[in-house]
Amino acid sequence: MSAYQQDIYDIVRLIPKGRVTTYGRIADYLALGSARMVGWAMNQSHKTDPSIPAHRVVNRKGELTGRLHFGTPTRMQELLEKEGITIKNHCIVHFDQLVWSPIEIE
């Protein structure tokens, strides 16, 4: 695992249950320069132990763009709903109220 992947995973593990963040917010916080690097790391995260709550990372609009990388196309939504997050048409309802920023850990 690369150092930047480990940094991403460390941040994702800090996202509180019932909250989400974006690929871009993580990339900006870590000065990675690309949200795609975070997306790639999330795609690889299903192979890690301990597990990474990758379901809490969404795109800048609150869309579940990573949903196809979970065991089933509905698994990401199911995990978020289990944490009390409402999803409609693959998008988080009240996203602006639920989004968490890594800057909150400072």
PDB file of N, CA and C in Angstrom:
ATOM      1  N   MET A   1       0.857  -1.178   0.000  1.00  0.00           N
ATOM      2  CA  MET A   1       0.000   0.000   0.000  1.00  0.00           C
ATOM      3  C   MET A   1       0.900   1.237   0.000  1.00  0.00           C
ATOM      4  N   SER A   2       0.528   2.201  -0.812  1.00  0.00           N
ATOM      5  CA  SER A   2       1.324   3.421  -0.896  1.00  0.00           C
ATOM      6  C   SER A   2       1.041   4.336   0.298  1.00  0.00           C
ATOM      7  N   ALA A   3       1.939   5.281   0.525  1.00  0.00           N
ATOM      8  CA  ALA A   3       1.783   6.224   1.641  1.00  0.00           C
ATOM      9  C   ALA A   3       0.531   7.079   1.456  1.00  0.00           C
ATOM     10  N   TYR A   4       0.261   7.500   0.221  1.00  0.00           N
ATOM     11  CA  TYR A   4      -0.921   8.339   0.025  1.00  0.00           C
ATOM     12  C   TYR A   4      -2.199   7.539   0.261  1.00  0.00           C
ATOM     13  N   GLN A   5      -2.206   6.252  -0.103  1.00  0.00           N
ATOM     14  CA  GLN A   5      -3.377   5.424   0.177  1.00  0.00           C
ATOM     15  C   GLN A   5      -3.596   5.326   1.682  1.00  0.00           C
ATOM     16  N   GLN A   6      -2.532   5.110   2.418  1.00  0.00           N
ATOM     17  CA  GLN A   6      -2.652   5.001   3.872  1.00  0.00           C
ATOM     18  C   GLN A   6      -3.189   6.299   4.461  1.00  0.00           C
ATOM     19  N   ASP A   7      -2.708   7.424   3.949  1.00  0.00           N
ATOM     20  CA  ASP A   7      -3.208   8.731   4.423  1.00  0.00           C
ATOM     21  C   ASP A   7      -4.702   8.873   4.147  1.00  0.00           C
ATOM     22  N   ILE A   8      -5.122   8.467   2.964  1.00  0.00           N
ATOM     23  CA  ILE A   8      -6.549   8.532   2.605  1.00  0.00           C
ATOM     24  C   ILE A   8      -7.362   7.648   3.548  1.00  0.00           C
ATOM     25  N   TYR A   9      -6.908   6.422   3.746  1.00  0.00           N
ATOM     26  CA  TYR A   9      -7.639   5.494   4.611  1.00  0.00           C
ATOM     27  C   TYR A   9      -7.719   6.013   6.042  1.00  0.00           C
ATOM     28  N   ASP A  10      -6.640   6.627   6.513  1.00  0.00           N
ATOM     29  CA  ASP A  10      -6.651   7.197   7.868  1.00  0.00           C
ATOM     30  C   ASP A  10      -7.730   8.270   8.002  1.00  0.00           C
ATOM     31  N   ILE A  11      -7.873   9.115   6.969  1.00  0.00           N
ATOM     32  CA  ILE A  11      -8.900  10.164   6.991  1.00  0.00           C
ATOM     33  C   ILE A  11     -10.297   9.543   6.925  1.00  0.00           C
ATOM     34  N   VAL A  12     -10.496   8.594   6.034  1.00  0.00           N
ATOM     35  CA  VAL A  12     -11.819   7.985   5.855  1.00  0.00           C
ATOM     36  C   VAL A  12     -12.275   7.294   7.143  1.00  0.00           C
ATOM     37  N   ARG A  13     -11.349   6.700   7.864  1.00  0.00           N
ATOM     38  CA  ARG A  13     -11.716   6.053   9.136  1.00  0.00           C
ATOM     39  C   ARG A  13     -12.201   7.060  10.177  1.00  0.00           C
ATOM     40  N   LEU A  14     -11.912   8.334   9.991  1.00  0.00           N
ATOM     41  CA  LEU A  14     -12.329   9.379  10.936  1.00  0.00           C
ATOM     42  C   LEU A  14     -13.716   9.956  10.648  1.00  0.00           C
ATOM     43  N   ILE A  15     -14.274   9.643   9.489  1.00  0.00           N
ATOM     44  CA  ILE A  15     -15.607  10.170   9.148  1.00  0.00           C
ATOM     45  C   ILE A  15     -16.612   9.586  10.130  1.00  0.00           C
ATOM     46  N   PRO A  16     -17.317  10.441  10.850  1.00  0.00           N
ATOM     47  CA  PRO A  16     -18.288   9.927  11.827  1.00  0.00           C
ATOM     48  C   PRO A  16     -19.439   9.166  11.159  1.00  0.00           C
ATOM     49  N   LYS A  17     -19.967   8.183  11.869  1.00  0.00           N
ATOM     50  CA  LYS A  17     -21.155   7.473  11.379  1.00  0.00           C
ATOM     51  C   LYS A  17     -22.265   8.487  11.179  1.00  0.00           C
ATOM     52  N   GLY A  18     -23.021   8.301  10.104  1.00  0.00           N
ATOM     53  CA  GLY A  18     -24.117   9.210   9.804  1.00  0.00           C
ATOM     54  C   GLY A  18     -23.689  10.472   9.095  1.00  0.00           C
ATOM     55  N   ARG A  19     -22.414  10.548   8.728  1.00  0.00           N
ATOM     56  CA  ARG A  19     -21.878  11.694   7.982  1.00  0.00           C
ATOM     57  C   ARG A  19     -21.170  11.162   6.740  1.00  0.00           C
ATOM     58  N   VAL A  20     -20.906  12.031   5.794  1.00  0.00           N
ATOM     59  CA  VAL A  20     -20.185  11.676   4.573  1.00  0.00           C
ATOM     60  C   VAL A  20     -19.200  12.785   4.239  1.00  0.00           C
ATOM     61  N   THR A  21     -18.265  12.470   3.380  1.00  0.00           N
ATOM     62  CA  THR A  21     -17.380  13.490   2.829  1.00  0.00           C
ATOM     63  C   THR A  21     -17.201  13.202   1.344  1.00  0.00           C
ATOM     64  N   THR A  22     -16.443  14.048   0.687  1.00  0.00           N
ATOM     65  CA  THR A  22     -16.267  13.896  -0.762  1.00  0.00           C
ATOM     66  C   THR A  22     -14.833  13.517  -1.104  1.00  0.00           C
ATOM     67  N   TYR A  23     -14.696  12.963  -2.288  1.00  0.00           N
ATOM     68  CA  TYR A  23     -13.366  12.638  -2.796  1.00  0.00           C
ATOM     69  C   TYR A  23     -12.508  13.898  -2.824  1.00  0.00           C
ATOM     70  N   GLY A  24     -13.109  14.991  -3.287  1.00  0.00           N
ATOM     71  CA  GLY A  24     -12.380  16.249  -3.415  1.00  0.00           C
ATOM     72  C   GLY A  24     -11.937  16.841  -2.092  1.00  0.00           C
ATOM     73  N   ARG A  25     -12.772  16.756  -1.076  1.00  0.00           N
ATOM     74  CA  ARG A  25     -12.397  17.296   0.240  1.00  0.00           C
ATOM     75  C   ARG A  25     -11.197  16.544   0.810  1.00  0.00           C
ATOM     76  N   ILE A  26     -11.187  15.234   0.625  1.00  0.00           N
ATOM     77  CA  ILE A  26     -10.044  14.445   1.093  1.00  0.00           C
ATOM     78  C   ILE A  26      -8.796  14.804   0.291  1.00  0.00           C
ATOM     79  N   ALA A  27      -8.942  14.887  -1.024  1.00  0.00           N
ATOM     80  CA  ALA A  27      -7.805  15.230  -1.888  1.00  0.00           C
ATOM     81  C   ALA A  27      -7.248  16.609  -1.534  1.00  0.00           C
ATOM     82  N   ASP A  28      -8.125  17.578  -1.314  1.00  0.00           N
ATOM     83  CA  ASP A  28      -7.676  18.922  -0.951  1.00  0.00           C
ATOM     84  C   ASP A  28      -6.951  18.916   0.390  1.00  0.00           C
ATOM     85  N   TYR A  29      -7.512  18.222   1.369  1.00  0.00           N
ATOM     86  CA  TYR A  29      -6.922  18.174   2.706  1.00  0.00           C
ATOM     87  C   TYR A  29      -5.522  17.573   2.665  1.00  0.00           C
ATOM     88  N   LEU A  30      -5.354  16.540   1.851  1.00  0.00           N
ATOM     89  CA  LEU A  30      -4.057  15.860   1.760  1.00  0.00           C
ATOM     90  C   LEU A  30      -3.159  16.431   0.670  1.00  0.00           C
ATOM     91  N   ALA A  31      -3.626  17.488  -0.008  1.00  0.00           N
ATOM     92  CA  ALA A  31      -2.870  18.130  -1.091  1.00  0.00           C
ATOM     93  C   ALA A  31      -2.455  17.115  -2.159  1.00  0.00           C
ATOM     94  N   LEU A  32      -3.391  16.257  -2.535  1.00  0.00           N
ATOM     95  CA  LEU A  32      -3.114  15.239  -3.549  1.00  0.00           C
ATOM     96  C   LEU A  32      -3.247  15.782  -4.960  1.00  0.00           C
ATOM     97  N   GLY A  33      -4.017  16.838  -5.121  1.00  0.00           N
ATOM     98  CA  GLY A  33      -4.172  17.438  -6.434  1.00  0.00           C
ATOM     99  C   GLY A  33      -5.229  16.791  -7.308  1.00  0.00           C
ATOM    100  N   SER A  34      -5.780  15.656  -6.879  1.00  0.00           N
ATOM    101  CA  SER A  34      -6.765  14.987  -7.722  1.00  0.00           C
ATOM    102  C   SER A  34      -7.721  14.154  -6.879  1.00  0.00           C
ATOM    103  N   ALA A  35      -9.003  14.417  -7.049  1.00  0.00           N
ATOM    104  CA  ALA A  35     -10.019  13.613  -6.379  1.00  0.00           C
ATOM    105  C   ALA A  35     -10.010  12.183  -6.924  1.00  0.00           C
ATOM    106  N   ARG A  36      -9.545  12.006  -8.140  1.00  0.00           N
ATOM    107  CA  ARG A  36      -9.503  10.668  -8.742  1.00  0.00           C
ATOM    108  C   ARG A  36      -8.576   9.736  -7.964  1.00  0.00           C
ATOM    109  N   MET A  37      -7.531  10.293  -7.372  1.00  0.00           N
ATOM    110  CA  MET A  37      -6.627   9.470  -6.565  1.00  0.00           C
ATOM    111  C   MET A  37      -7.376   8.901  -5.358  1.00  0.00           C
ATOM    112  N   VAL A  38      -8.258   9.695  -4.792  1.00  0.00           N
ATOM    113  CA  VAL A  38      -9.062   9.238  -3.658  1.00  0.00           C
ATOM    114  C   VAL A  38     -10.045   8.167  -4.138  1.00  0.00           C
ATOM    115  N   GLY A  39     -10.659   8.386  -5.289  1.00  0.00           N
ATOM    116  CA  GLY A  39     -11.572   7.395  -5.846  1.00  0.00           C
ATOM    117  C   GLY A  39     -10.878   6.071  -6.106  1.00  0.00           C
ATOM    118  N   TRP A  40      -9.689   6.134  -6.646  1.00  0.00           N
ATOM    119  CA  TRP A  40      -8.928   4.906  -6.898  1.00  0.00           C
ATOM    120  C   TRP A  40      -8.643   4.185  -5.587  1.00  0.00           C
ATOM    121  N   ALA A  41      -8.240   4.930  -4.572  1.00  0.00           N
ATOM    122  CA  ALA A  41      -7.966   4.326  -3.268  1.00  0.00           C
ATOM    123  C   ALA A  41      -9.228   3.697  -2.680  1.00  0.00           C
ATOM    124  N   MET A  42     -10.377   4.362  -2.856  1.00  0.00           N
ATOM    125  CA  MET A  42     -11.628   3.801  -2.343  1.00  0.00           C
ATOM    126  C   MET A  42     -11.965   2.499  -3.066  1.00  0.00           C
ATOM    127  N   ASN A  43     -11.695   2.430  -4.359  1.00  0.00           N
ATOM    128  CA  ASN A  43     -11.943   1.199  -5.113  1.00  0.00           C
ATOM    129  C   ASN A  43     -11.091   0.049  -4.591  1.00  0.00           C
ATOM    130  N   GLN A  44      -9.888   0.364  -4.115  1.00  0.00           N
ATOM    131  CA  GLN A  44      -8.971  -0.647  -3.582  1.00  0.00           C
ATOM    132  C   GLN A  44      -9.240  -0.967  -2.113  1.00  0.00           C
ATOM    133  N   SER A  45     -10.014  -0.136  -1.452  1.00  0.00           N
ATOM    134  CA  SER A  45     -10.178  -0.249  -0.003  1.00  0.00           C
ATOM    135  C   SER A  45     -10.918  -1.508   0.451  1.00  0.00           C
ATOM    136  N   HIS A  46     -11.623  -2.144  -0.427  1.00  0.00           N
ATOM    137  CA  HIS A  46     -12.397  -3.325  -0.050  1.00  0.00           C
ATOM    138  C   HIS A  46     -11.488  -4.516   0.269  1.00  0.00           C
ATOM    139  N   LYS A  47     -10.207  -4.371  -0.024  1.00  0.00           N
ATOM    140  CA  LYS A  47      -9.232  -5.439   0.217  1.00  0.00           C
ATOM    141  C   LYS A  47      -8.460  -5.229   1.511  1.00  0.00           C
ATOM    142  N   THR A  48      -8.765  -4.183   2.268  1.00  0.00           N
ATOM    143  CA  THR A  48      -7.970  -3.841   3.442  1.00  0.00           C
ATOM    144  C   THR A  48      -8.538  -4.426   4.728  1.00  0.00           C
ATOM    145  N   ASP A  49      -7.658  -4.577   5.691  1.00  0.00           N
ATOM    146  CA  ASP A  49      -8.047  -5.013   7.022  1.00  0.00           C
ATOM    147  C   ASP A  49      -7.250  -4.186   8.018  1.00  0.00           C
ATOM    148  N   PRO A  50      -7.869  -3.432   8.900  1.00  0.00           N
ATOM    149  CA  PRO A  50      -9.304  -3.368   9.119  1.00  0.00           C
ATOM    150  C   PRO A  50     -10.014  -2.658   7.974  1.00  0.00           C
ATOM    151  N   SER A  51     -11.304  -2.831   7.948  1.00  0.00           N
ATOM    152  CA  SER A  51     -12.090  -2.303   6.832  1.00  0.00           C
ATOM    153  C   SER A  51     -12.126  -0.776   6.833  1.00  0.00           C
ATOM    154  N   ILE A  52     -12.384  -0.248   5.660  1.00  0.00           N
ATOM    155  CA  ILE A  52     -12.482   1.193   5.440  1.00  0.00           C
ATOM    156  C   ILE A  52     -13.955   1.509   5.179  1.00  0.00           C
ATOM    157  N   PRO A  53     -14.533   2.513   5.840  1.00  0.00           N
ATOM    158  CA  PRO A  53     -15.929   2.864   5.567  1.00  0.00           C
ATOM    159  C   PRO A  53     -16.062   3.677   4.275  1.00  0.00           C
ATOM    160  N   ALA A  54     -15.699   3.048   3.168  1.00  0.00           N
ATOM    161  CA  ALA A  54     -15.698   3.706   1.860  1.00  0.00           C
ATOM    162  C   ALA A  54     -17.082   4.201   1.458  1.00  0.00           C
ATOM    163  N   HIS A  55     -18.124   3.632   2.032  1.00  0.00           N
ATOM    164  CA  HIS A  55     -19.493   4.055   1.689  1.00  0.00           C
ATOM    165  C   HIS A  55     -19.749   5.499   2.108  1.00  0.00           C
ATOM    166  N   ARG A  56     -18.911   6.055   2.977  1.00  0.00           N
ATOM    167  CA  ARG A  56     -19.087   7.432   3.450  1.00  0.00           C
ATOM    168  C   ARG A  56     -18.398   8.462   2.558  1.00  0.00           C
ATOM    169  N   VAL A  57     -17.849   8.027   1.434  1.00  0.00           N
ATOM    170  CA  VAL A  57     -17.180   8.945   0.509  1.00  0.00           C
ATOM    171  C   VAL A  57     -17.982   8.992  -0.787  1.00  0.00           C
ATOM    172  N   VAL A  58     -18.409  10.197  -1.148  1.00  0.00           N
ATOM    173  CA  VAL A  58     -19.274  10.401  -2.311  1.00  0.00           C
ATOM    174  C   VAL A  58     -18.719  11.542  -3.165  1.00  0.00           C
ATOM    175  N   ASN A  59     -19.367  11.812  -4.276  1.00  0.00           N
ATOM    176  CA  ASN A  59     -18.884  12.914  -5.110  1.00  0.00           C
ATOM    177  C   ASN A  59     -19.360  14.260  -4.549  1.00  0.00           C
ATOM    178  N   ARG A  60     -18.937  15.345  -5.171  1.00  0.00           N
ATOM    179  CA  ARG A  60     -19.191  16.695  -4.658  1.00  0.00           C
ATOM    180  C   ARG A  60     -20.672  17.083  -4.652  1.00  0.00           C
ATOM    181  N   LYS A  61     -21.496  16.315  -5.361  1.00  0.00           N
ATOM    182  CA  LYS A  61     -22.936  16.572  -5.390  1.00  0.00           C
ATOM    183  C   LYS A  61     -23.702  15.672  -4.423  1.00  0.00           C
ATOM    184  N   GLY A  62     -22.983  14.796  -3.730  1.00  0.00           N
ATOM    185  CA  GLY A  62     -23.634  13.856  -2.822  1.00  0.00           C
ATOM    186  C   GLY A  62     -24.152  12.609  -3.511  1.00  0.00           C
ATOM    187  N   GLU A  63     -23.677  12.360  -4.721  1.00  0.00           N
ATOM    188  CA  GLU A  63     -24.106  11.188  -5.479  1.00  0.00           C
ATOM    189  C   GLU A  63     -23.261   9.975  -5.114  1.00  0.00           C
ATOM    190  N   LEU A  64     -23.881   8.817  -5.098  1.00  0.00           N
ATOM    191  CA  LEU A  64     -23.195   7.571  -4.765  1.00  0.00           C
ATOM    192  C   LEU A  64     -22.489   7.014  -5.998  1.00  0.00           C
ATOM    193  N   THR A  65     -21.534   7.746  -6.504  1.00  0.00           N
ATOM    194  CA  THR A  65     -20.855   7.350  -7.737  1.00  0.00           C
ATOM    195  C   THR A  65     -20.007   6.094  -7.571  1.00  0.00           C
ATOM    196  N   GLY A  66     -19.619   5.764  -6.358  1.00  0.00           N
ATOM    197  CA  GLY A  66     -18.814   4.560  -6.125  1.00  0.00           C
ATOM    198  C   GLY A  66     -19.624   3.308  -5.887  1.00  0.00           C
ATOM    199  N   ARG A  67     -20.937   3.396  -5.988  1.00  0.00           N
ATOM    200  CA  ARG A  67     -21.813   2.287  -5.611  1.00  0.00           C
ATOM    201  C   ARG A  67     -21.561   0.995  -6.381  1.00  0.00           C
ATOM    202  N   LEU A  68     -21.074   1.091  -7.603  1.00  0.00           N
ATOM    203  CA  LEU A  68     -20.863  -0.107  -8.408  1.00  0.00           C
ATOM    204  C   LEU A  68     -19.622  -0.890  -7.994  1.00  0.00           C
ATOM    205  N   HIS A  69     -18.830  -0.326  -7.092  1.00  0.00           N
ATOM    206  CA  HIS A  69     -17.611  -0.997  -6.635  1.00  0.00           C
ATOM    207  C   HIS A  69     -17.833  -1.761  -5.331  1.00  0.00           C
ATOM    208  N   PHE A  70     -19.067  -1.814  -4.873  1.00  0.00           N
ATOM    209  CA  PHE A  70     -19.404  -2.588  -3.683  1.00  0.00           C
ATOM    210  C   PHE A  70     -19.904  -3.961  -4.126  1.00  0.00           C
ATOM    211  N   GLY A  71     -20.101  -4.859  -3.183  1.00  0.00           N
ATOM    212  CA  GLY A  71     -20.507  -6.230  -3.508  1.00  0.00           C
ATOM    213  C   GLY A  71     -21.724  -6.322  -4.399  1.00  0.00           C
ATOM    214  N   THR A  72     -22.695  -5.438  -4.162  1.00  0.00           N
ATOM    215  CA  THR A  72     -23.889  -5.363  -5.004  1.00  0.00           C
ATOM    216  C   THR A  72     -24.129  -3.889  -5.310  1.00  0.00           C
ATOM    217  N   PRO A  73     -24.880  -3.575  -6.354  1.00  0.00           N
ATOM    218  CA  PRO A  73     -25.133  -2.171  -6.698  1.00  0.00           C
ATOM    219  C   PRO A  73     -25.892  -1.385  -5.624  1.00  0.00           C
ATOM    220  N   THR A  74     -26.533  -2.082  -4.686  1.00  0.00           N
ATOM    221  CA  THR A  74     -27.291  -1.397  -3.641  1.00  0.00           C
ATOM    222  C   THR A  74     -26.578  -1.373  -2.288  1.00  0.00           C
ATOM    223  N   ARG A  75     -25.443  -2.029  -2.169  1.00  0.00           N
ATOM    224  CA  ARG A  75     -24.762  -2.171  -0.874  1.00  0.00           C
ATOM    225  C   ARG A  75     -24.342  -0.823  -0.276  1.00  0.00           C
ATOM    226  N   MET A  76     -23.817   0.077  -1.070  1.00  0.00           N
ATOM    227  CA  MET A  76     -23.391   1.382  -0.559  1.00  0.00           C
ATOM    228  C   MET A  76     -24.588   2.121   0.044  1.00  0.00           C
ATOM    229  N   GLN A  77     -25.692   2.137  -0.669  1.00  0.00           N
ATOM    230  CA  GLN A  77     -26.903   2.787  -0.174  1.00  0.00           C
ATOM    231  C   GLN A  77     -27.382   2.122   1.111  1.00  0.00           C
ATOM    232  N   GLU A  78     -27.373   0.811   1.153  1.00  0.00           N
ATOM    233  CA  GLU A  78     -27.814   0.086   2.348  1.00  0.00           C
ATOM    234  C   GLU A  78     -26.969   0.462   3.567  1.00  0.00           C
ATOM    235  N   LEU A  79     -25.664   0.559   3.389  1.00  0.00           N
ATOM    236  CA  LEU A  79     -24.773   0.917   4.497  1.00  0.00           C
ATOM    237  C   LEU A  79     -25.047   2.337   4.990  1.00  0.00           C
ATOM    238  N   LEU A  80     -25.267   3.261   4.065  1.00  0.00           N
ATOM    239  CA  LEU A  80     -25.570   4.641   4.456  1.00  0.00           C
ATOM    240  C   LEU A  80     -26.920   4.729   5.152  1.00  0.00           C
ATOM    241  N   GLU A  81     -27.901   4.037   4.627  1.00  0.00           N
ATOM    242  CA  GLU A  81     -29.233   4.058   5.247  1.00  0.00           C
ATOM    243  C   GLU A  81     -29.197   3.447   6.646  1.00  0.00           C
ATOM    244  N   LYS A  82     -28.359   2.453   6.852  1.00  0.00           N
ATOM    245  CA  LYS A  82     -28.202   1.842   8.172  1.00  0.00           C
ATOM    246  C   LYS A  82     -27.668   2.855   9.183  1.00  0.00           C
ATOM    247  N   GLU A  83     -26.958   3.871   8.684  1.00  0.00           N
ATOM    248  CA  GLU A  83     -26.422   4.932   9.538  1.00  0.00           C
ATOM    249  C   GLU A  83     -27.382   6.123   9.638  1.00  0.00           C
ATOM    250  N   GLY A  84     -28.578   5.988   9.076  1.00  0.00           N
ATOM    251  CA  GLY A  84     -29.583   7.029   9.184  1.00  0.00           C
ATOM    252  C   GLY A  84     -29.586   8.054   8.067  1.00  0.00           C
ATOM    253  N   ILE A  85     -28.849   7.796   7.003  1.00  0.00           N
ATOM    254  CA  ILE A  85     -28.778   8.724   5.869  1.00  0.00           C
ATOM    255  C   ILE A  85     -29.833   8.327   4.833  1.00  0.00           C
ATOM    256  N   THR A  86     -30.604   9.298   4.387  1.00  0.00           N
ATOM    257  CA  THR A  86     -31.645   9.055   3.396  1.00  0.00           C
ATOM    258  C   THR A  86     -31.068   9.246   1.994  1.00  0.00           C
ATOM    259  N   ILE A  87     -31.384   8.296   1.125  1.00  0.00           N
ATOM    260  CA  ILE A  87     -30.908   8.317  -0.263  1.00  0.00           C
ATOM    261  C   ILE A  87     -32.124   8.347  -1.184  1.00  0.00           C
ATOM    262  N   LYS A  88     -32.045   9.183  -2.203  1.00  0.00           N
ATOM    263  CA  LYS A  88     -33.096   9.221  -3.223  1.00  0.00           C
ATOM    264  C   LYS A  88     -32.415   9.340  -4.587  1.00  0.00           C
ATOM    265  N   ASN A  89     -32.729   8.430  -5.468  1.00  0.00           N
ATOM    266  CA  ASN A  89     -32.144   8.417  -6.821  1.00  0.00           C
ATOM    267  C   ASN A  89     -30.621   8.454  -6.771  1.00  0.00           C
ATOM    268  N   HIS A  90     -30.038   7.629  -5.912  1.00  0.00           N
ATOM    269  CA  HIS A  90     -28.584   7.495  -5.772  1.00  0.00           C
ATOM    270  C   HIS A  90     -27.905   8.772  -5.287  1.00  0.00           C
ATOM    271  N   CYS A  91     -28.652   9.609  -4.586  1.00  0.00           N
ATOM    272  CA  CYS A  91     -28.113  10.879  -4.103  1.00  0.00           C
ATOM    273  C   CYS A  91     -28.530  11.076  -2.641  1.00  0.00           C
ATOM    274  N   ILE A  92     -27.650  11.636  -1.839  1.00  0.00           N
ATOM    275  CA  ILE A  92     -27.920  11.858  -0.423  1.00  0.00           C
ATOM    276  C   ILE A  92     -28.866  13.045  -0.251  1.00  0.00           C
ATOM    277  N   VAL A  93     -29.944  12.802   0.465  1.00  0.00           N
ATOM    278  CA  VAL A  93     -30.911  13.850   0.788  1.00  0.00           C
ATOM    279  C   VAL A  93     -30.307  14.695   1.916  1.00  0.00           C
ATOM    280  N   HIS A  94     -30.413  16.024   1.783  1.00  0.00           N
ATOM    281  CA  HIS A  94     -29.838  16.973   2.755  1.00  0.00           C
ATOM    282  C   HIS A  94     -28.318  16.816   2.852  1.00  0.00           C
ATOM    283  N   PHE A  95     -27.697  16.586   1.717  1.00  0.00           N
ATOM    284  CA  PHE A  95     -26.247  16.395   1.647  1.00  0.00           C
ATOM    285  C   PHE A  95     -25.491  17.525   2.343  1.00  0.00           C
ATOM    286  N   ASP A  96     -25.897  18.764   2.108  1.00  0.00           N
ATOM    287  CA  ASP A  96     -25.182  19.908   2.676  1.00  0.00           C
ATOM    288  C   ASP A  96     -25.180  19.900   4.199  1.00  0.00           C
ATOM    289  N   GLN A  97     -26.131  19.228   4.823  1.00  0.00           N
ATOM    290  CA  GLN A  97     -26.183  19.135   6.279  1.00  0.00           C
ATOM    291  C   GLN A  97     -25.382  17.954   6.822  1.00  0.00           C
ATOM    292  N   LEU A  98     -25.076  16.998   5.967  1.00  0.00           N
ATOM    293  CA  LEU A  98     -24.401  15.779   6.399  1.00  0.00           C
ATOM    294  C   LEU A  98     -22.933  15.717   6.018  1.00  0.00           C
ATOM    295  N   VAL A  99     -22.506  16.615   5.156  1.00  0.00           N
ATOM    296  CA  VAL A  99     -21.129  16.553   4.669  1.00  0.00           C
ATOM    297  C   VAL A  99     -20.161  16.960   5.786  1.00  0.00           C
ATOM    298  N   TRP A 100     -19.102  16.183   5.899  1.00  0.00           N
ATOM    299  CA  TRP A 100     -18.071  16.363   6.901  1.00  0.00           C
ATOM    300  C   TRP A 100     -16.782  16.719   6.174  1.00  0.00           C
ATOM    301  N   SER A 101     -15.990  17.567   6.774  1.00  0.00           N
ATOM    302  CA  SER A 101     -14.721  17.945   6.159  1.00  0.00           C
ATOM    303  C   SER A 101     -13.568  17.493   7.042  1.00  0.00           C
ATOM    304  N   PRO A 102     -12.507  16.969   6.459  1.00  0.00           N
ATOM    305  CA  PRO A 102     -11.348  16.564   7.252  1.00  0.00           C
ATOM    306  C   PRO A 102     -10.766  17.720   8.092  1.00  0.00           C
ATOM    307  N   ILE A 103     -11.016  18.936   7.696  1.00  0.00           N
ATOM    308  CA  ILE A 103     -10.507  20.067   8.454  1.00  0.00           C
ATOM    309  C   ILE A 103     -11.106  20.107   9.862  1.00  0.00           C
ATOM    310  N   GLU A 104     -12.236  19.416  10.061  1.00  0.00           N
ATOM    311  CA  GLU A 104     -12.880  19.368  11.370  1.00  0.00           C
ATOM    312  C   GLU A 104     -12.033  18.611  12.405  1.00  0.00           C
ATOM    313  N   ILE A 105     -11.049  17.836  11.953  1.00  0.00           N
ATOM    314  CA  ILE A 105     -10.223  17.075  12.895  1.00  0.00           C
ATOM    315  C   ILE A 105      -9.078  17.907  13.453  1.00  0.00           C
ATOM    316  N   GLU A 106      -8.863  19.076  12.905  1.00  0.00           N
ATOM    317  CA  GLU A 106      -7.745  19.914  13.363  1.00  0.00           C
ATOM    318  C   GLU A 106      -8.108  20.699  14.600  1.00  0.00           C
TER     319      GLU A 106
END
